[in-house]
Amino acid sequence: MLMRIFVAIVIIVAILAGLANHMSLNFMNMPVLHGFFDTAIPILGFGALIKYLCCCGDHHK
């Protein structure tokens, strides 16, 4: 249950940070979601790394 909460928090933070970055770069002539992905992908990658490290020995069969 705790891992589901962690995943939900990471996804929400990534979306909010991506939207904030996209909105701040919106006045430039940039591709539509370039700023969003530049911010959201590293946050999601870091969250996936932490989840992997925390669940490394917890294999359910």
Protein backbone atom coordinates (compact mmCIF):
# COMPACT_ATOMS: atom_id res chain seq x y z
CA MET A 1 0.00 0.00 0.00
CA LEU A 2 2.84 2.37 0.85
CA MET A 3 4.44 1.76 -2.55
CA ARG A 4 1.21 2.69 -4.36
CA ILE A 5 1.08 5.95 -2.43
CA PHE A 6 4.73 6.64 -3.34
CA VAL A 7 4.06 5.96 -7.02
CA ALA A 8 1.00 8.22 -7.00
CA ILE A 9 2.98 11.04 -5.35
CA VAL A 10 5.83 10.71 -7.87
CA ILE A 11 3.42 10.81 -10.81
CA ILE A 12 1.56 13.83 -9.44
CA VAL A 13 4.80 15.71 -8.74
CA ALA A 14 6.12 14.90 -12.23
CA ILE A 15 2.93 16.12 -13.89
CA LEU A 16 2.78 19.31 -11.82
CA ALA A 17 6.47 20.11 -12.37
CA GLY A 18 6.16 19.38 -16.08
CA LEU A 19 3.12 21.61 -16.42
CA ALA A 20 4.80 24.40 -14.46
CA ASN A 21 7.86 24.21 -16.69
CA HIS A 22 5.75 24.03 -19.84
CA MET A 23 3.71 27.07 -18.82
CA SER A 24 6.82 29.11 -18.04
CA LEU A 25 8.38 28.26 -21.44
CA ASN A 26 5.14 28.69 -23.37
CA PHE A 27 5.97 32.25 -24.49
CA MET A 28 8.95 31.03 -26.53
CA ASN A 29 8.66 29.35 -29.91
CA MET A 30 9.16 25.81 -28.63
CA PRO A 31 7.49 22.56 -29.61
CA VAL A 32 4.19 21.88 -27.89
CA LEU A 33 5.27 19.65 -24.97
CA HIS A 34 9.05 20.01 -25.07
CA GLY A 35 9.25 21.76 -21.69
CA PHE A 36 6.85 19.28 -20.10
CA PHE A 37 8.90 16.23 -20.99
CA ASP A 38 12.23 17.88 -20.14
CA THR A 39 11.04 18.13 -16.53
CA ALA A 40 8.73 15.13 -16.10
CA ILE A 41 10.98 12.37 -17.47
CA PRO A 42 13.87 12.83 -14.98
CA ILE A 43 11.42 12.95 -12.05
CA LEU A 44 9.72 9.75 -13.21
CA GLY A 45 13.11 8.10 -13.74
CA PHE A 46 14.25 9.02 -10.23
CA GLY A 47 10.99 7.70 -8.78
CA ALA A 48 11.40 4.43 -10.68
CA LEU A 49 14.95 4.07 -9.37
CA ILE A 50 13.86 4.62 -5.77
CA LYS A 51 10.99 2.14 -6.20
CA TYR A 52 13.36 -0.45 -7.66
CA LEU A 53 15.86 0.00 -4.84
CA CYS A 54 13.17 -0.27 -2.16
CA CYS A 55 11.54 -3.37 -3.66
CA CYS A 56 14.71 -5.20 -4.65
CA GLY A 57 14.33 -8.08 -2.18
CA ASP A 58 10.53 -8.08 -2.07
CA HIS A 59 9.55 -10.56 -4.80
CA HIS A 60 5.94 -11.78 -4.67
CA LYS A 61 5.10 -15.01 -6.44
